[in-house]
């Protein structure tokens, strides 16, 4: 899960960079998608910590 957390950080950065390349009409939606994915890393990290404590 920790790897998924780090991977989602990379995905968020990739989506954010891609949002800068789309036209103005689609940019808002692309930025919201990047921000939504940006909310995943803390969740995945905490799930990984919980699983580590459970084991």
PDB file of N, CA and C in Angstrom:
ATOM      1  N   UNK A   1       0.821  -1.196   0.000  1.00  0.00           N
ATOM      2  CA  UNK A   1       0.000   0.000   0.000  1.00  0.00           C
ATOM      3  C   UNK A   1       0.862   1.256   0.000  1.00  0.00           C
ATOM      4  N   UNK A   2       2.039   1.150   0.622  1.00  0.00           N
ATOM      5  CA  UNK A   2       2.926   2.317   0.598  1.00  0.00           C
ATOM      6  C   UNK A   2       3.396   2.601  -0.824  1.00  0.00           C
ATOM      7  N   UNK A   3       3.637   1.563  -1.588  1.00  0.00           N
ATOM      8  CA  UNK A   3       4.032   1.751  -2.993  1.00  0.00           C
ATOM      9  C   UNK A   3       2.882   2.367  -3.795  1.00  0.00           C
ATOM     10  N   UNK A   4       1.660   1.953  -3.490  1.00  0.00           N
ATOM     11  CA  UNK A   4       0.501   2.538  -4.168  1.00  0.00           C
ATOM     12  C   UNK A   4       0.375   4.020  -3.819  1.00  0.00           C
ATOM     13  N   UNK A   5       0.702   4.363  -2.597  1.00  0.00           N
ATOM     14  CA  UNK A   5       0.675   5.761  -2.179  1.00  0.00           C
ATOM     15  C   UNK A   5       1.682   6.584  -2.982  1.00  0.00           C
ATOM     16  N   UNK A   6       2.902   6.084  -3.092  1.00  0.00           N
ATOM     17  CA  UNK A   6       3.912   6.798  -3.862  1.00  0.00           C
ATOM     18  C   UNK A   6       3.557   6.832  -5.349  1.00  0.00           C
ATOM     19  N   UNK A   7       2.975   5.757  -5.835  1.00  0.00           N
ATOM     20  CA  UNK A   7       2.543   5.723  -7.232  1.00  0.00           C
ATOM     21  C   UNK A   7       1.445   6.729  -7.526  1.00  0.00           C
ATOM     22  N   UNK A   8       0.538   6.911  -6.575  1.00  0.00           N
ATOM     23  CA  UNK A   8      -0.536   7.878  -6.799  1.00  0.00           C
ATOM     24  C   UNK A   8      -0.019   9.312  -6.755  1.00  0.00           C
ATOM     25  N   UNK A   9       1.077   9.557  -6.023  1.00  0.00           N
ATOM     26  CA  UNK A   9       1.708  10.874  -6.074  1.00  0.00           C
ATOM     27  C   UNK A   9       2.235  11.129  -7.486  1.00  0.00           C
ATOM     28  N   UNK A  10       2.902  10.132  -8.051  1.00  0.00           N
ATOM     29  CA  UNK A  10       3.392  10.257  -9.420  1.00  0.00           C
ATOM     30  C   UNK A  10       2.268  10.442 -10.425  1.00  0.00           C
ATOM     31  N   UNK A  11       1.175   9.704 -10.231  1.00  0.00           N
ATOM     32  CA  UNK A  11       0.025   9.832 -11.121  1.00  0.00           C
ATOM     33  C   UNK A  11      -0.575  11.229 -11.027  1.00  0.00           C
ATOM     34  N   UNK A  12      -0.667  11.750  -9.825  1.00  0.00           N
ATOM     35  CA  UNK A  12      -1.206  13.095  -9.626  1.00  0.00           C
ATOM     36  C   UNK A  12      -0.347  14.129 -10.345  1.00  0.00           C
ATOM     37  N   UNK A  13       0.962  14.015 -10.201  1.00  0.00           N
ATOM     38  CA  UNK A  13       1.862  14.961 -10.863  1.00  0.00           C
ATOM     39  C   UNK A  13       1.739  14.831 -12.382  1.00  0.00           C
ATOM     40  N   UNK A  14       1.650  13.601 -12.867  1.00  0.00           N
ATOM     41  CA  UNK A  14       1.480  13.388 -14.299  1.00  0.00           C
ATOM     42  C   UNK A  14       0.187  13.985 -14.823  1.00  0.00           C
ATOM     43  N   UNK A  15      -0.897  13.797 -14.080  1.00  0.00           N
ATOM     44  CA  UNK A  15      -2.177  14.372 -14.501  1.00  0.00           C
ATOM     45  C   UNK A  15      -2.148  15.889 -14.458  1.00  0.00           C
ATOM     46  N   UNK A  16      -1.465  16.438 -13.467  1.00  0.00           N
ATOM     47  CA  UNK A  16      -1.383  17.896 -13.350  1.00  0.00           C
ATOM     48  C   UNK A  16      -0.597  18.482 -14.527  1.00  0.00           C
ATOM     49  N   UNK A  17       0.506  17.837 -14.891  1.00  0.00           N
ATOM     50  CA  UNK A  17       1.296  18.306 -16.033  1.00  0.00           C
ATOM     51  C   UNK A  17       0.481  18.179 -17.316  1.00  0.00           C
ATOM     52  N   UNK A  18      -0.242  17.076 -17.439  1.00  0.00           N
ATOM     53  CA  UNK A  18      -1.082  16.887 -18.628  1.00  0.00           C
ATOM     54  C   UNK A  18      -2.190  17.934 -18.688  1.00  0.00           C
ATOM     55  N   UNK A  19      -2.701  18.356 -17.531  1.00  0.00           N
ATOM     56  CA  UNK A  19      -3.764  19.364 -17.502  1.00  0.00           C
ATOM     57  C   UNK A  19      -3.279  20.682 -18.090  1.00  0.00           C
ATOM     58  N   UNK A  20      -1.992  20.946 -17.992  1.00  0.00           N
ATOM     59  CA  UNK A  20      -1.462  22.199 -18.537  1.00  0.00           C
ATOM     60  C   UNK A  20      -1.370  22.165 -20.059  1.00  0.00           C
ATOM     61  N   UNK A  21      -1.499  20.977 -20.663  1.00  0.00           N
ATOM     62  CA  UNK A  21      -1.371  20.869 -22.115  1.00  0.00           C
ATOM     63  C   UNK A  21      -2.711  20.861 -22.832  1.00  0.00           C
ATOM     64  N   UNK A  22      -3.817  20.721 -22.101  1.00  0.00           N
ATOM     65  CA  UNK A  22      -5.133  20.686 -22.754  1.00  0.00           C
ATOM     66  C   UNK A  22      -5.655  22.111 -22.913  1.00  0.00           C
ATOM     67  N   UNK A  23      -6.670  22.258 -23.752  1.00  0.00           N
ATOM     68  CA  UNK A  23      -7.209  23.595 -23.990  1.00  0.00           C
ATOM     69  C   UNK A  23      -7.959  24.111 -22.762  1.00  0.00           C
ATOM     70  N   UNK A  24      -8.288  25.387 -22.795  1.00  0.00           N
ATOM     71  CA  UNK A  24      -8.860  26.065 -21.630  1.00  0.00           C
ATOM     72  C   UNK A  24     -10.204  25.464 -21.217  1.00  0.00           C
ATOM     73  N   UNK A  25     -10.990  24.975 -22.164  1.00  0.00           N
ATOM     74  CA  UNK A  25     -12.305  24.427 -21.843  1.00  0.00           C
ATOM     75  C   UNK A  25     -12.201  23.145 -21.015  1.00  0.00           C
ATOM     76  N   UNK A  26     -11.212  22.345 -21.275  1.00  0.00           N
ATOM     77  CA  UNK A  26     -11.040  21.073 -20.584  1.00  0.00           C
ATOM     78  C   UNK A  26     -10.102  21.166 -19.376  1.00  0.00           C
ATOM     79  N   UNK A  27      -9.415  22.269 -19.205  1.00  0.00           N
ATOM     80  CA  UNK A  27      -8.388  22.384 -18.169  1.00  0.00           C
ATOM     81  C   UNK A  27      -8.968  22.236 -16.761  1.00  0.00           C
ATOM     82  N   UNK A  28     -10.123  22.822 -16.499  1.00  0.00           N
ATOM     83  CA  UNK A  28     -10.722  22.742 -15.167  1.00  0.00           C
ATOM     84  C   UNK A  28     -11.016  21.301 -14.773  1.00  0.00           C
ATOM     85  N   UNK A  29     -11.568  20.537 -15.702  1.00  0.00           N
ATOM     86  CA  UNK A  29     -11.873  19.135 -15.426  1.00  0.00           C
ATOM     87  C   UNK A  29     -10.593  18.333 -15.203  1.00  0.00           C
ATOM     88  N   UNK A  30      -9.569  18.599 -15.995  1.00  0.00           N
ATOM     89  CA  UNK A  30      -8.305  17.878 -15.862  1.00  0.00           C
ATOM     90  C   UNK A  30      -7.625  18.213 -14.538  1.00  0.00           C
ATOM     91  N   UNK A  31      -7.687  19.471 -14.119  1.00  0.00           N
ATOM     92  CA  UNK A  31      -7.091  19.842 -12.836  1.00  0.00           C
ATOM     93  C   UNK A  31      -7.850  19.222 -11.674  1.00  0.00           C
ATOM     94  N   UNK A  32      -9.171  19.175 -11.756  1.00  0.00           N
ATOM     95  CA  UNK A  32      -9.958  18.526 -10.693  1.00  0.00           C
ATOM     96  C   UNK A  32      -9.637  17.044 -10.592  1.00  0.00           C
ATOM     97  N   UNK A  33      -9.412  16.402 -11.742  1.00  0.00           N
ATOM     98  CA  UNK A  33      -9.033  14.992 -11.740  1.00  0.00           C
ATOM     99  C   UNK A  33      -7.690  14.800 -11.037  1.00  0.00           C
ATOM    100  N   UNK A  34      -6.738  15.682 -11.304  1.00  0.00           N
ATOM    101  CA  UNK A  34      -5.421  15.592 -10.668  1.00  0.00           C
ATOM    102  C   UNK A  34      -5.542  15.822  -9.160  1.00  0.00           C
ATOM    103  N   UNK A  35      -6.362  16.776  -8.750  1.00  0.00           N
ATOM    104  CA  UNK A  35      -6.541  17.023  -7.318  1.00  0.00           C
ATOM    105  C   UNK A  35      -7.237  15.851  -6.627  1.00  0.00           C
ATOM    106  N   UNK A  36      -8.196  15.232  -7.317  1.00  0.00           N
ATOM    107  CA  UNK A  36      -8.877  14.071  -6.745  1.00  0.00           C
ATOM    108  C   UNK A  36      -7.897  12.933  -6.512  1.00  0.00           C
ATOM    109  N   UNK A  37      -7.043  12.671  -7.499  1.00  0.00           N
ATOM    110  CA  UNK A  37      -6.037  11.620  -7.341  1.00  0.00           C
ATOM    111  C   UNK A  37      -5.037  12.024  -6.251  1.00  0.00           C
ATOM    112  N   UNK A  38      -4.808  13.312  -6.090  1.00  0.00           N
ATOM    113  CA  UNK A  38      -3.906  13.795  -5.054  1.00  0.00           C
ATOM    114  C   UNK A  38      -4.402  13.532  -3.645  1.00  0.00           C
ATOM    115  N   UNK A  39      -5.670  13.219  -3.496  1.00  0.00           N
ATOM    116  CA  UNK A  39      -6.209  12.887  -2.171  1.00  0.00           C
ATOM    117  C   UNK A  39      -5.952  11.439  -1.792  1.00  0.00           C
ATOM    118  N   UNK A  40      -5.549  10.602  -2.717  1.00  0.00           N
ATOM    119  CA  UNK A  40      -5.355   9.179  -2.448  1.00  0.00           C
ATOM    120  C   UNK A  40      -4.133   8.852  -1.604  1.00  0.00           C
ATOM    121  N   UNK A  41      -2.978   9.507  -1.782  1.00  0.00           N
ATOM    122  CA  UNK A  41      -1.764   9.059  -1.077  1.00  0.00           C
ATOM    123  C   UNK A  41      -1.899   8.944   0.442  1.00  0.00           C
ATOM    124  N   UNK A  42      -2.497   9.923   1.133  1.00  0.00           N
ATOM    125  CA  UNK A  42      -2.605   9.747   2.585  1.00  0.00           C
ATOM    126  C   UNK A  42      -3.459   8.539   2.972  1.00  0.00           C
ATOM    127  N   UNK A  43      -4.499   8.299   2.183  1.00  0.00           N
ATOM    128  CA  UNK A  43      -5.372   7.163   2.468  1.00  0.00           C
ATOM    129  C   UNK A  43      -4.626   5.847   2.291  1.00  0.00           C
ATOM    130  N   UNK A  44      -3.928   5.717   1.167  1.00  0.00           N
ATOM    131  CA  UNK A  44      -3.162   4.489   0.938  1.00  0.00           C
ATOM    132  C   UNK A  44      -2.071   4.310   1.989  1.00  0.00           C
ATOM    133  N   UNK A  45      -1.423   5.404   2.369  1.00  0.00           N
ATOM    134  CA  UNK A  45      -0.338   5.317   3.363  1.00  0.00           C
ATOM    135  C   UNK A  45      -0.894   4.843   4.705  1.00  0.00           C
ATOM    136  N   UNK A  46      -2.025   5.383   5.123  1.00  0.00           N
ATOM    137  CA  UNK A  46      -2.617   4.978   6.401  1.00  0.00           C
ATOM    138  C   UNK A  46      -3.132   3.544   6.360  1.00  0.00           C
ATOM    139  N   UNK A  47      -3.656   3.117   5.232  1.00  0.00           N
ATOM    140  CA  UNK A  47      -4.066   1.719   5.096  1.00  0.00           C
ATOM    141  C   UNK A  47      -2.844   0.818   5.217  1.00  0.00           C
ATOM    142  N   UNK A  48      -1.738   1.213   4.588  1.00  0.00           N
ATOM    143  CA  UNK A  48      -0.504   0.437   4.696  1.00  0.00           C
ATOM    144  C   UNK A  48       0.005   0.365   6.130  1.00  0.00           C
ATOM    145  N   UNK A  49      -0.057   1.483   6.856  1.00  0.00           N
ATOM    146  CA  UNK A  49       0.349   1.473   8.266  1.00  0.00           C
ATOM    147  C   UNK A  49      -0.553   0.566   9.094  1.00  0.00           C
ATOM    148  N   UNK A  50      -1.849   0.600   8.819  1.00  0.00           N
ATOM    149  CA  UNK A  50      -2.785  -0.243   9.564  1.00  0.00           C
ATOM    150  C   UNK A  50      -2.526  -1.719   9.283  1.00  0.00           C
ATOM    151  N   UNK A  51      -2.244  -2.046   8.037  1.00  0.00           N
ATOM    152  CA  UNK A  51      -1.949  -3.442   7.703  1.00  0.00           C
ATOM    153  C   UNK A  51      -0.647  -3.899   8.346  1.00  0.00           C
ATOM    154  N   UNK A  52       0.326  -3.012   8.402  1.00  0.00           N
ATOM    155  CA  UNK A  52       1.610  -3.352   9.032  1.00  0.00           C
ATOM    156  C   UNK A  52       1.405  -3.595  10.528  1.00  0.00           C
ATOM    157  N   UNK A  53       0.582  -2.772  11.179  1.00  0.00           N
ATOM    158  CA  UNK A  53       0.301  -2.960  12.593  1.00  0.00           C
ATOM    159  C   UNK A  53      -0.522  -4.223  12.845  1.00  0.00           C
ATOM    160  N   UNK A  54      -1.397  -4.554  11.900  1.00  0.00           N
ATOM    161  CA  UNK A  54      -2.239  -5.727  12.035  1.00  0.00           C
ATOM    162  C   UNK A  54      -1.413  -7.016  11.970  1.00  0.00           C
ATOM    163  N   UNK A  55      -0.383  -6.990  11.117  1.00  0.00           N
ATOM    164  CA  UNK A  55       0.460  -8.181  10.973  1.00  0.00           C
ATOM    165  C   UNK A  55       1.306  -8.311  12.196  1.00  0.00           C
TER     166      UNK A  55
END
